[in-house]
């Protein structure tokens, strides 16, 4: 054998660079897609459809102004006024972040006058923890329904907490906000609720 046959062939550096370039390009495309758009505007197949019929129990022991806070039924959501339904849990850190926006919503004239209802949908929570959460941060809700097993949230198409739904006077879902409400999101939902109530 000659010396040329024994010497291993040197590979072109392109064989190593091309896969790295392809991987880098794909990573950039995926990252751009991940951070593009408004995460709170996740589409919902339920927009325009009646709110799902689920049974929620009242949050045991919860009181407001010396009276027990009731649960709400799906029939309550279609009684001629718009309803903002907030899905929350005491163990949810973003729920604490958005809570001042809900308290501010509860002080809005449309809510105080009963043109728009603000209700809570307590998700996979312990009653004591949920009561402490609302006791410490304030209870903006006129009614709180409890979904301990999480089945109701599945029916509603909840991705995770917090989420907020706007239900029209006819009981149909008009809008959905995924993630914690900021001031702009809360005002947008309230304006849409007031418009729907007219």
N, C-alpha and C. Protein backbone atom coordinates (compact mmCIF):
# COMPACT_ATOMS: atom_id res chain seq x y z
N UNK A 1 0.84 -1.18 0.00
CA UNK A 1 0.00 0.00 0.00
C UNK A 1 0.88 1.24 0.00
N UNK A 2 0.41 2.20 -0.74
CA UNK A 2 1.17 3.44 -0.82
C UNK A 2 0.81 4.34 0.36
N UNK A 3 1.66 5.31 0.57
CA UNK A 3 1.45 6.26 1.65
C UNK A 3 0.14 7.02 1.46
N UNK A 4 -0.24 7.33 0.23
CA UNK A 4 -1.48 8.06 -0.06
C UNK A 4 -2.70 7.26 0.34
N UNK A 5 -2.62 5.93 0.19
CA UNK A 5 -3.77 5.09 0.55
C UNK A 5 -3.92 4.96 2.07
N UNK A 6 -2.83 5.03 2.82
CA UNK A 6 -2.88 4.90 4.27
C UNK A 6 -3.32 6.19 4.97
N UNK A 7 -3.09 7.33 4.36
CA UNK A 7 -3.46 8.60 4.97
C UNK A 7 -4.97 8.81 4.85
N UNK A 8 -5.68 9.04 5.99
CA UNK A 8 -7.13 9.25 5.90
C UNK A 8 -7.43 10.53 5.14
N UNK A 9 -8.54 10.48 4.39
CA UNK A 9 -8.94 11.66 3.63
C UNK A 9 -9.45 12.74 4.55
N UNK A 10 -9.09 13.92 4.24
CA UNK A 10 -9.54 15.05 5.05
C UNK A 10 -10.92 15.49 4.57
N UNK A 11 -11.88 15.62 5.51
CA UNK A 11 -13.24 16.00 5.14
C UNK A 11 -13.34 17.51 5.01
N UNK A 12 -14.23 17.89 4.17
CA UNK A 12 -14.47 19.32 3.97
C UNK A 12 -15.13 19.89 5.22
N UNK A 13 -14.75 21.11 5.65
CA UNK A 13 -15.39 21.71 6.83
C UNK A 13 -16.88 21.99 6.61
N UNK A 14 -17.32 22.01 5.36
CA UNK A 14 -18.73 22.26 5.07
C UNK A 14 -19.63 21.17 5.65
N UNK A 15 -19.12 19.99 5.76
CA UNK A 15 -19.93 18.88 6.29
C UNK A 15 -20.33 19.13 7.75
N UNK A 16 -19.55 19.93 8.46
CA UNK A 16 -19.87 20.27 9.85
C UNK A 16 -20.64 21.59 9.96
N UNK A 17 -20.37 22.50 9.08
CA UNK A 17 -20.96 23.83 9.15
C UNK A 17 -22.41 23.85 8.68
N UNK A 18 -22.72 23.12 7.62
CA UNK A 18 -24.08 23.13 7.06
C UNK A 18 -25.13 22.68 8.08
N UNK A 19 -24.95 21.56 8.78
CA UNK A 19 -25.96 21.18 9.78
C UNK A 19 -26.13 22.22 10.89
N UNK A 20 -25.01 22.84 11.30
CA UNK A 20 -25.11 23.88 12.33
C UNK A 20 -25.89 25.09 11.83
N UNK A 21 -25.68 25.47 10.59
CA UNK A 21 -26.43 26.59 10.01
C UNK A 21 -27.92 26.27 9.91
N UNK A 22 -28.25 25.06 9.51
CA UNK A 22 -29.65 24.64 9.42
C UNK A 22 -30.30 24.66 10.81
N UNK A 23 -29.60 24.10 11.80
CA UNK A 23 -30.12 24.09 13.16
C UNK A 23 -30.33 25.52 13.67
N UNK A 24 -29.37 26.40 13.44
CA UNK A 24 -29.48 27.79 13.87
C UNK A 24 -30.66 28.50 13.23
N UNK A 25 -30.87 28.28 11.94
CA UNK A 25 -31.99 28.90 11.24
C UNK A 25 -33.33 28.41 11.81
N UNK A 26 -33.44 27.10 12.06
CA UNK A 26 -34.67 26.56 12.64
C UNK A 26 -34.93 27.11 14.04
N UNK A 27 -33.87 27.24 14.83
CA UNK A 27 -34.02 27.79 16.18
C UNK A 27 -34.54 29.22 16.12
N UNK A 28 -34.05 30.01 15.21
CA UNK A 28 -34.51 31.40 15.06
C UNK A 28 -35.98 31.44 14.65
N UNK A 29 -36.38 30.57 13.72
CA UNK A 29 -37.78 30.53 13.27
C UNK A 29 -38.69 30.14 14.43
N UNK A 30 -38.32 29.13 15.22
CA UNK A 30 -39.14 28.69 16.34
C UNK A 30 -39.22 29.76 17.42
N UNK A 31 -38.12 30.42 17.72
CA UNK A 31 -38.15 31.49 18.72
C UNK A 31 -39.01 32.66 18.28
N UNK A 32 -38.93 33.01 17.02
CA UNK A 32 -39.75 34.11 16.50
C UNK A 32 -41.23 33.76 16.63
N UNK A 33 -41.59 32.52 16.32
CA UNK A 33 -42.99 32.08 16.44
C UNK A 33 -43.45 32.03 17.88
N UNK A 34 -42.55 31.67 18.78
CA UNK A 34 -42.89 31.55 20.20
C UNK A 34 -43.24 32.90 20.80
N UNK A 35 -42.52 33.94 20.42
CA UNK A 35 -42.72 35.26 21.02
C UNK A 35 -43.52 36.21 20.15
N UNK A 36 -44.05 35.73 19.05
CA UNK A 36 -44.86 36.59 18.17
C UNK A 36 -46.30 36.63 18.66
N UNK A 37 -46.96 37.75 18.50
CA UNK A 37 -48.38 37.86 18.83
C UNK A 37 -48.61 38.09 20.31
N UNK A 38 -49.87 38.23 20.65
CA UNK A 38 -50.31 38.49 22.02
C UNK A 38 -50.75 37.19 22.65
N UNK A 39 -50.01 36.74 23.66
CA UNK A 39 -50.32 35.45 24.30
C UNK A 39 -51.68 35.45 24.97
N UNK A 40 -52.19 36.62 25.34
CA UNK A 40 -53.49 36.68 26.00
C UNK A 40 -54.64 36.50 25.00
N UNK A 41 -54.35 36.50 23.73
CA UNK A 41 -55.39 36.39 22.71
C UNK A 41 -55.39 35.00 22.07
N UNK A 42 -55.19 33.96 22.90
CA UNK A 42 -55.23 32.59 22.41
C UNK A 42 -56.63 32.31 21.90
N UNK A 43 -56.76 31.81 20.67
CA UNK A 43 -58.11 31.58 20.15
C UNK A 43 -58.84 30.49 20.93
N UNK A 44 -60.14 30.63 21.01
CA UNK A 44 -60.95 29.64 21.70
C UNK A 44 -62.05 29.17 20.77
N UNK A 45 -62.24 27.87 20.73
CA UNK A 45 -63.30 27.29 19.89
C UNK A 45 -64.67 27.62 20.46
N UNK A 46 -64.73 28.11 21.70
CA UNK A 46 -66.02 28.37 22.35
C UNK A 46 -66.54 29.78 22.11
N UNK A 47 -65.73 30.67 21.52
CA UNK A 47 -66.20 32.04 21.27
C UNK A 47 -67.43 31.98 20.37
N UNK A 48 -68.49 32.65 20.82
CA UNK A 48 -69.75 32.66 20.08
C UNK A 48 -70.69 31.53 20.45
N UNK A 49 -70.23 30.61 21.28
CA UNK A 49 -71.06 29.47 21.69
C UNK A 49 -71.54 29.68 23.13
N UNK A 50 -72.63 28.99 23.51
CA UNK A 50 -73.11 29.13 24.90
C UNK A 50 -72.06 28.64 25.89
N UNK A 51 -72.01 29.30 27.04
CA UNK A 51 -71.10 28.86 28.10
C UNK A 51 -71.43 27.41 28.46
N UNK A 52 -70.42 26.56 28.59
CA UNK A 52 -70.67 25.15 28.90
C UNK A 52 -71.45 24.97 30.20
N UNK A 53 -72.34 24.01 30.19
CA UNK A 53 -73.18 23.72 31.36
C UNK A 53 -72.39 22.86 32.34
N UNK A 54 -71.86 23.47 33.37
CA UNK A 54 -71.15 22.74 34.42
C UNK A 54 -71.76 23.13 35.77
N UNK A 55 -71.62 22.25 36.73
CA UNK A 55 -72.14 22.52 38.07
C UNK A 55 -70.98 22.90 38.98
N UNK A 56 -71.06 24.08 39.56
CA UNK A 56 -70.03 24.56 40.48
C UNK A 56 -70.68 24.78 41.84
N UNK A 57 -70.00 24.35 42.90
CA UNK A 57 -70.53 24.55 44.25
C UNK A 57 -70.03 25.89 44.79
N UNK A 58 -70.70 26.39 45.81
CA UNK A 58 -70.28 27.64 46.45
C UNK A 58 -69.01 27.38 47.25
N UNK A 59 -68.19 28.42 47.40
CA UNK A 59 -66.98 28.32 48.22
C UNK A 59 -67.40 28.34 49.68
N UNK A 60 -67.28 27.20 50.28
CA UNK A 60 -67.74 26.99 51.66
C UNK A 60 -67.15 28.01 52.63
N UNK A 61 -68.04 28.68 53.37
CA UNK A 61 -67.60 29.61 54.41
C UNK A 61 -67.24 31.00 53.94
N UNK A 62 -67.32 31.26 52.62
CA UNK A 62 -66.96 32.58 52.11
C UNK A 62 -68.11 33.56 52.35
N UNK A 63 -67.79 34.71 52.93
CA UNK A 63 -68.80 35.73 53.20
C UNK A 63 -68.36 37.07 52.65
N UNK A 64 -69.36 37.90 52.31
CA UNK A 64 -69.10 39.26 51.86
C UNK A 64 -70.20 40.13 52.45
N UNK A 65 -69.81 41.18 53.14
CA UNK A 65 -70.77 42.07 53.81
C UNK A 65 -71.68 41.30 54.76
N UNK A 66 -71.12 40.30 55.44
CA UNK A 66 -71.87 39.52 56.42
C UNK A 66 -72.82 38.48 55.84
N UNK A 67 -72.82 38.32 54.52
CA UNK A 67 -73.71 37.35 53.87
C UNK A 67 -72.87 36.28 53.15
N UNK A 68 -73.39 35.04 53.10
CA UNK A 68 -72.67 34.01 52.35
C UNK A 68 -72.60 34.37 50.86
N UNK A 69 -71.47 34.12 50.25
CA UNK A 69 -71.30 34.37 48.82
C UNK A 69 -71.79 33.12 48.08
N UNK A 70 -72.77 33.29 47.18
CA UNK A 70 -73.31 32.12 46.49
C UNK A 70 -72.39 31.65 45.36
N UNK A 71 -72.72 30.49 44.84
CA UNK A 71 -72.10 30.04 43.60
C UNK A 71 -72.89 30.67 42.46
N UNK A 72 -72.55 30.35 41.26
CA UNK A 72 -73.34 30.79 40.12
C UNK A 72 -73.60 29.59 39.23
N UNK A 73 -74.72 29.63 38.56
CA UNK A 73 -75.06 28.55 37.64
C UNK A 73 -74.90 29.07 36.22
N UNK A 74 -74.87 28.18 35.29
CA UNK A 74 -74.76 28.59 33.90
C UNK A 74 -76.00 29.37 33.47
N UNK A 75 -77.14 29.06 34.09
CA UNK A 75 -78.36 29.81 33.79
C UNK A 75 -78.22 31.27 34.24
N UNK A 76 -77.46 31.51 35.31
CA UNK A 76 -77.24 32.88 35.79
C UNK A 76 -76.48 33.72 34.76
N UNK A 77 -75.70 33.04 33.91
CA UNK A 77 -74.88 33.76 32.93
C UNK A 77 -75.68 34.27 31.74
N UNK A 78 -76.92 33.86 31.59
CA UNK A 78 -77.71 34.28 30.45
C UNK A 78 -78.96 35.05 30.83
N UNK A 79 -78.88 35.79 31.90
CA UNK A 79 -80.08 36.49 32.40
C UNK A 79 -80.12 37.96 32.00
N UNK A 80 -79.67 38.27 30.80
CA UNK A 80 -79.83 39.62 30.29
C UNK A 80 -78.75 40.61 30.66
N UNK A 81 -77.69 40.17 31.33
CA UNK A 81 -76.58 41.08 31.60
C UNK A 81 -75.27 40.38 31.27
N UNK A 82 -74.27 41.16 30.94
CA UNK A 82 -72.96 40.59 30.65
C UNK A 82 -72.29 40.15 31.95
N UNK A 83 -71.48 39.12 31.87
CA UNK A 83 -70.78 38.60 33.05
C UNK A 83 -69.32 38.37 32.71
N UNK A 84 -68.45 38.85 33.59
CA UNK A 84 -67.02 38.58 33.49
C UNK A 84 -66.73 37.45 34.46
N UNK A 85 -66.21 36.33 33.94
CA UNK A 85 -65.91 35.15 34.74
C UNK A 85 -64.39 35.01 34.82
N UNK A 86 -63.85 35.11 36.04
CA UNK A 86 -62.41 34.99 36.23
C UNK A 86 -62.06 33.65 36.84
N UNK A 87 -61.20 32.90 36.17
CA UNK A 87 -60.74 31.60 36.67
C UNK A 87 -59.47 31.87 37.49
N UNK A 88 -59.50 31.51 38.78
CA UNK A 88 -58.38 31.82 39.66
C UNK A 88 -58.13 30.68 40.63
N UNK A 89 -56.97 30.73 41.29
CA UNK A 89 -56.63 29.77 42.35
C UNK A 89 -55.67 30.45 43.32
N UNK A 90 -55.72 30.06 44.57
CA UNK A 90 -54.85 30.68 45.58
C UNK A 90 -53.38 30.31 45.34
N UNK A 91 -53.12 29.16 44.73
CA UNK A 91 -51.75 28.71 44.51
C UNK A 91 -51.12 29.32 43.25
N UNK A 92 -51.88 30.15 42.55
CA UNK A 92 -51.46 30.70 41.27
C UNK A 92 -50.83 32.08 41.48
N UNK A 93 -49.51 32.19 41.27
CA UNK A 93 -48.81 33.47 41.46
C UNK A 93 -49.33 34.57 40.52
N UNK A 94 -49.56 34.29 39.22
CA UNK A 94 -50.09 35.35 38.36
C UNK A 94 -51.49 35.83 38.78
N UNK A 95 -52.24 34.98 39.49
CA UNK A 95 -53.56 35.40 39.98
C UNK A 95 -53.40 36.52 41.01
N UNK A 96 -52.36 36.45 41.81
CA UNK A 96 -52.08 37.51 42.78
C UNK A 96 -51.71 38.80 42.06
N UNK A 97 -50.98 38.67 40.97
CA UNK A 97 -50.56 39.84 40.19
C UNK A 97 -51.77 40.56 39.60
N UNK A 98 -52.73 39.80 39.07
CA UNK A 98 -53.88 40.42 38.41
C UNK A 98 -54.97 40.87 39.37
N UNK A 99 -54.95 40.39 40.61
CA UNK A 99 -56.07 40.62 41.53
C UNK A 99 -56.42 42.10 41.73
N UNK A 100 -55.45 43.01 41.83
CA UNK A 100 -55.83 44.43 41.95
C UNK A 100 -56.67 44.92 40.77
N UNK A 101 -56.47 44.36 39.59
CA UNK A 101 -57.29 44.75 38.43
C UNK A 101 -58.73 44.29 38.62
N UNK A 102 -58.91 43.12 39.21
CA UNK A 102 -60.27 42.61 39.46
C UNK A 102 -60.96 43.45 40.54
N UNK A 103 -60.21 43.84 41.57
CA UNK A 103 -60.78 44.69 42.61
C UNK A 103 -61.21 46.03 42.00
N UNK A 104 -60.37 46.57 41.12
CA UNK A 104 -60.72 47.83 40.45
C UNK A 104 -61.95 47.64 39.56
N UNK A 105 -62.05 46.49 38.87
CA UNK A 105 -63.24 46.20 38.05
C UNK A 105 -64.50 46.17 38.90
N UNK A 106 -64.39 45.61 40.10
CA UNK A 106 -65.58 45.50 40.97
C UNK A 106 -66.07 46.88 41.41
N UNK A 107 -65.20 47.89 41.35
CA UNK A 107 -65.59 49.26 41.71
C UNK A 107 -66.09 50.07 40.51
N UNK A 108 -66.04 49.49 39.32
CA UNK A 108 -66.50 50.21 38.12
C UNK A 108 -68.01 50.44 38.23
N UNK A 109 -68.50 51.60 37.77
CA UNK A 109 -69.94 51.89 37.87
C UNK A 109 -70.83 50.81 37.25
N UNK A 110 -70.45 50.26 36.12
CA UNK A 110 -71.29 49.23 35.47
C UNK A 110 -71.45 48.00 36.34
N UNK A 111 -70.39 47.65 37.09
CA UNK A 111 -70.46 46.49 37.99
C UNK A 111 -71.25 46.85 39.24
N UNK A 112 -70.98 48.01 39.81
CA UNK A 112 -71.70 48.44 41.02
C UNK A 112 -73.20 48.57 40.77
N UNK A 113 -73.58 49.02 39.56
CA UNK A 113 -75.00 49.20 39.22
C UNK A 113 -75.66 47.90 38.77
N UNK A 114 -74.90 46.80 38.68
CA UNK A 114 -75.47 45.51 38.30
C UNK A 114 -75.65 45.29 36.80
N UNK A 115 -75.11 46.20 35.98
CA UNK A 115 -75.21 46.01 34.52
C UNK A 115 -74.27 44.92 34.04
N UNK A 116 -73.15 44.77 34.76
CA UNK A 116 -72.15 43.74 34.46
C UNK A 116 -71.87 43.00 35.75
N UNK A 117 -71.89 41.67 35.70
CA UNK A 117 -71.56 40.86 36.88
C UNK A 117 -70.09 40.43 36.79
N UNK A 118 -69.44 40.33 37.95
CA UNK A 118 -68.07 39.83 38.05
C UNK A 118 -68.09 38.65 39.00
N UNK A 119 -67.80 37.46 38.45
CA UNK A 119 -67.86 36.24 39.26
C UNK A 119 -66.54 35.49 39.17
N UNK A 120 -66.27 34.70 40.22
CA UNK A 120 -65.03 33.92 40.29
C UNK A 120 -65.29 32.45 40.05
N UNK A 121 -64.34 31.81 39.38
CA UNK A 121 -64.37 30.38 39.05
C UNK A 121 -63.12 29.81 39.71
N UNK A 122 -63.27 29.27 40.92
CA UNK A 122 -62.13 28.79 41.69
C UNK A 122 -61.71 27.40 41.21
N UNK A 123 -60.45 27.28 40.80
CA UNK A 123 -59.96 26.09 40.10
C UNK A 123 -59.00 25.27 40.96
N UNK A 124 -59.36 24.01 41.19
CA UNK A 124 -58.48 23.04 41.87
C UNK A 124 -57.83 23.63 43.11
N UNK A 125 -58.65 24.09 44.03
CA UNK A 125 -58.15 24.79 45.20
C UNK A 125 -58.74 24.20 46.47
N UNK A 126 -58.07 24.40 47.58
CA UNK A 126 -58.61 24.05 48.88
C UNK A 126 -59.45 25.23 49.38
N UNK A 127 -60.58 24.94 49.98
CA UNK A 127 -61.50 26.00 50.42
C UNK A 127 -60.83 26.98 51.37
N UNK A 128 -60.06 26.47 52.33
CA UNK A 128 -59.38 27.35 53.29
C UNK A 128 -58.42 28.30 52.59
N UNK A 129 -57.66 27.76 51.65
CA UNK A 129 -56.68 28.58 50.93
C UNK A 129 -57.37 29.64 50.07
N UNK A 130 -58.46 29.25 49.41
CA UNK A 130 -59.19 30.20 48.56
C UNK A 130 -59.80 31.31 49.41
N UNK A 131 -60.35 30.97 50.57
CA UNK A 131 -60.92 31.98 51.48
C UNK A 131 -59.84 32.94 51.98
N UNK A 132 -58.67 32.38 52.34
CA UNK A 132 -57.56 33.24 52.80
C UNK A 132 -57.08 34.17 51.69
N UNK A 133 -57.01 33.62 50.48
CA UNK A 133 -56.58 34.41 49.31
C UNK A 133 -57.51 35.62 49.13
N UNK A 134 -58.82 35.37 49.10
CA UNK A 134 -59.79 36.45 48.91
C UNK A 134 -59.86 37.36 50.13
N UNK A 135 -59.64 36.80 51.32
CA UNK A 135 -59.65 37.62 52.54
C UNK A 135 -58.47 38.58 52.57
N UNK A 136 -57.32 38.12 52.12
CA UNK A 136 -56.12 38.96 52.16
C UNK A 136 -56.10 40.00 51.05
N UNK A 137 -56.56 39.63 49.86
CA UNK A 137 -56.45 40.52 48.69
C UNK A 137 -57.75 41.26 48.38
N UNK A 138 -58.85 40.85 49.00
CA UNK A 138 -60.15 41.46 48.72
C UNK A 138 -60.97 40.56 47.82
N UNK A 139 -62.27 40.54 48.05
CA UNK A 139 -63.16 39.71 47.24
C UNK A 139 -63.95 40.60 46.27
N UNK A 140 -63.55 40.60 45.01
CA UNK A 140 -64.26 41.44 44.03
C UNK A 140 -65.50 40.77 43.45
N UNK A 141 -65.72 39.49 43.79
CA UNK A 141 -66.74 38.69 43.12
C UNK A 141 -68.09 38.74 43.83
N UNK A 142 -69.17 38.78 43.03
CA UNK A 142 -70.52 38.69 43.61
C UNK A 142 -70.91 37.24 43.82
N UNK A 143 -70.23 36.32 43.15
CA UNK A 143 -70.47 34.88 43.30
C UNK A 143 -69.15 34.17 43.01
N UNK A 144 -68.94 33.02 43.68
CA UNK A 144 -67.74 32.22 43.45
C UNK A 144 -68.16 30.77 43.34
N UNK A 145 -67.87 30.17 42.20
CA UNK A 145 -68.13 28.74 41.98
C UNK A 145 -66.82 27.98 42.10
N UNK A 146 -66.90 26.80 42.68
CA UNK A 146 -65.70 25.99 42.94
C UNK A 146 -65.67 24.79 42.01
N UNK A 147 -64.53 24.59 41.39
CA UNK A 147 -64.28 23.45 40.49
C UNK A 147 -63.08 22.68 41.07
N UNK A 148 -63.32 21.89 42.11
CA UNK A 148 -62.22 21.21 42.81
C UNK A 148 -61.51 20.19 41.94
N UNK A 149 -62.26 19.44 41.14
CA UNK A 149 -61.64 18.38 40.34
C UNK A 149 -61.06 18.90 39.02
N UNK A 150 -61.47 20.08 38.60
CA UNK A 150 -60.97 20.63 37.35
C UNK A 150 -61.74 20.22 36.11
N UNK A 151 -62.82 19.46 36.27
CA UNK A 151 -63.60 19.01 35.11
C UNK A 151 -64.35 20.16 34.44
N UNK A 152 -64.85 21.09 35.24
CA UNK A 152 -65.54 22.24 34.69
C UNK A 152 -64.61 23.08 33.82
N UNK A 153 -63.38 23.24 34.27
CA UNK A 153 -62.40 24.02 33.51
C UNK A 153 -62.10 23.36 32.17
N UNK A 154 -62.09 22.04 32.14
CA UNK A 154 -61.87 21.33 30.87
C UNK A 154 -63.00 21.66 29.91
N UNK A 155 -64.24 21.64 30.42
CA UNK A 155 -65.40 21.95 29.58
C UNK A 155 -65.32 23.38 29.04
N UNK A 156 -64.78 24.28 29.84
CA UNK A 156 -64.66 25.68 29.45
C UNK A 156 -63.45 25.93 28.55
N UNK A 157 -62.60 24.92 28.38
CA UNK A 157 -61.42 25.10 27.54
C UNK A 157 -60.34 25.93 28.19
N UNK A 158 -60.22 25.83 29.52
CA UNK A 158 -59.22 26.59 30.25
C UNK A 158 -57.84 25.99 29.99
N UNK A 159 -56.89 26.83 29.57
CA UNK A 159 -55.51 26.40 29.35
C UNK A 159 -54.74 26.35 30.66
N UNK A 160 -55.01 27.28 31.53
CA UNK A 160 -54.33 27.41 32.82
C UNK A 160 -54.83 28.67 33.49
N UNK A 161 -54.51 28.82 34.76
CA UNK A 161 -55.00 30.00 35.48
C UNK A 161 -53.91 31.07 35.51
N UNK A 162 -54.29 32.32 35.52
CA UNK A 162 -55.65 32.83 35.42
C UNK A 162 -56.12 32.95 33.97
N UNK A 163 -57.41 32.88 33.80
CA UNK A 163 -58.07 33.16 32.53
C UNK A 163 -59.36 33.90 32.84
N UNK A 164 -59.79 34.72 31.92
CA UNK A 164 -61.01 35.50 32.13
C UNK A 164 -61.88 35.43 30.89
N UNK A 165 -63.14 35.13 31.11
CA UNK A 165 -64.11 35.01 30.02
C UNK A 165 -65.12 36.15 30.12
N UNK A 166 -65.60 36.57 28.98
CA UNK A 166 -66.71 37.53 28.93
C UNK A 166 -67.91 36.80 28.36
N UNK A 167 -68.98 36.76 29.14
CA UNK A 167 -70.21 36.09 28.72
C UNK A 167 -71.24 37.17 28.41
N UNK A 168 -71.87 37.07 27.24
CA UNK A 168 -72.87 38.04 26.84
C UNK A 168 -74.18 37.84 27.57
N UNK A 169 -75.11 38.77 27.43
CA UNK A 169 -76.41 38.68 28.10
C UNK A 169 -77.21 37.45 27.67
N UNK A 170 -76.88 36.88 26.52
CA UNK A 170 -77.58 35.68 26.06
C UNK A 170 -76.90 34.39 26.50
N UNK A 171 -75.84 34.49 27.32
CA UNK A 171 -75.14 33.30 27.82
C UNK A 171 -74.06 32.77 26.90
N UNK A 172 -73.76 33.50 25.83
CA UNK A 172 -72.71 33.07 24.90
C UNK A 172 -71.37 33.70 25.28
N UNK A 173 -70.29 32.96 25.03
CA UNK A 173 -68.95 33.46 25.30
C UNK A 173 -68.57 34.46 24.21
N UNK A 174 -68.29 35.69 24.63
CA UNK A 174 -67.94 36.74 23.68
C UNK A 174 -66.44 36.93 23.53
N UNK A 175 -65.69 36.65 24.61
CA UNK A 175 -64.25 36.91 24.57
C UNK A 175 -63.57 36.08 25.65
N UNK A 176 -62.25 35.95 25.49
CA UNK A 176 -61.46 35.19 26.46
C UNK A 176 -60.08 35.84 26.55
N UNK A 177 -59.62 36.04 27.78
CA UNK A 177 -58.29 36.60 28.02
C UNK A 177 -57.48 35.54 28.77
N UNK A 178 -56.37 35.13 28.19
CA UNK A 178 -55.51 34.13 28.82
C UNK A 178 -54.37 34.83 29.54
N UNK A 179 -54.13 34.44 30.79
CA UNK A 179 -53.06 35.04 31.56
C UNK A 179 -53.59 36.15 32.45
N UNK A 180 -52.69 36.76 33.23
CA UNK A 180 -53.14 37.80 34.16
C UNK A 180 -53.62 39.04 33.44
N UNK A 181 -54.72 39.58 33.92
CA UNK A 181 -55.26 40.83 33.37
C UNK A 181 -54.36 41.99 33.78
N UNK A 182 -54.04 42.83 32.83
CA UNK A 182 -53.43 44.11 33.17
C UNK A 182 -54.52 45.16 33.05
N UNK A 183 -54.20 46.41 33.28
CA UNK A 183 -55.22 47.45 33.26
C UNK A 183 -55.88 47.56 31.89
N UNK A 184 -55.07 47.48 30.83
CA UNK A 184 -55.63 47.60 29.47
C UNK A 184 -56.57 46.44 29.17
N UNK A 185 -56.17 45.22 29.56
CA UNK A 185 -57.02 44.05 29.32
C UNK A 185 -58.32 44.11 30.09
N UNK A 186 -58.22 44.56 31.34
CA UNK A 186 -59.43 44.68 32.18
C UNK A 186 -60.38 45.72 31.60
N UNK A 187 -59.85 46.85 31.16
CA UNK A 187 -60.69 47.90 30.59
C UNK A 187 -61.31 47.47 29.27
N UNK A 188 -60.54 46.71 28.48
CA UNK A 188 -61.08 46.20 27.21
C UNK A 188 -62.25 45.28 27.45
N UNK A 189 -62.12 44.36 28.42
CA UNK A 189 -63.22 43.44 28.73
C UNK A 189 -64.43 44.19 29.28
N UNK A 190 -64.17 45.15 30.15
CA UNK A 190 -65.27 45.91 30.74
C UNK A 190 -66.02 46.70 29.66
N UNK A 191 -65.27 47.35 28.76
CA UNK A 191 -65.92 48.12 27.69
C UNK A 191 -66.77 47.22 26.79
N UNK A 192 -66.24 46.03 26.51
CA UNK A 192 -66.97 45.09 25.68
C UNK A 192 -68.21 44.58 26.41
N UNK A 193 -68.08 44.38 27.75
CA UNK A 193 -69.21 43.92 28.55
C UNK A 193 -70.30 44.98 28.59
N UNK A 194 -69.93 46.24 28.77
CA UNK A 194 -70.91 47.33 28.82
C UNK A 194 -71.60 47.44 27.47
N UNK A 195 -70.85 47.34 26.38
CA UNK A 195 -71.44 47.42 25.04
C UNK A 195 -72.42 46.26 24.81
N UNK A 196 -72.06 45.08 25.30
CA UNK A 196 -72.93 43.91 25.12
C UNK A 196 -74.19 44.02 25.95
N UNK A 197 -74.09 44.69 27.09
CA UNK A 197 -75.24 44.82 28.00
C UNK A 197 -76.28 45.79 27.47
N UNK A 198 -75.89 46.66 26.53
CA UNK A 198 -76.85 47.67 26.02
C UNK A 198 -77.81 47.05 25.05
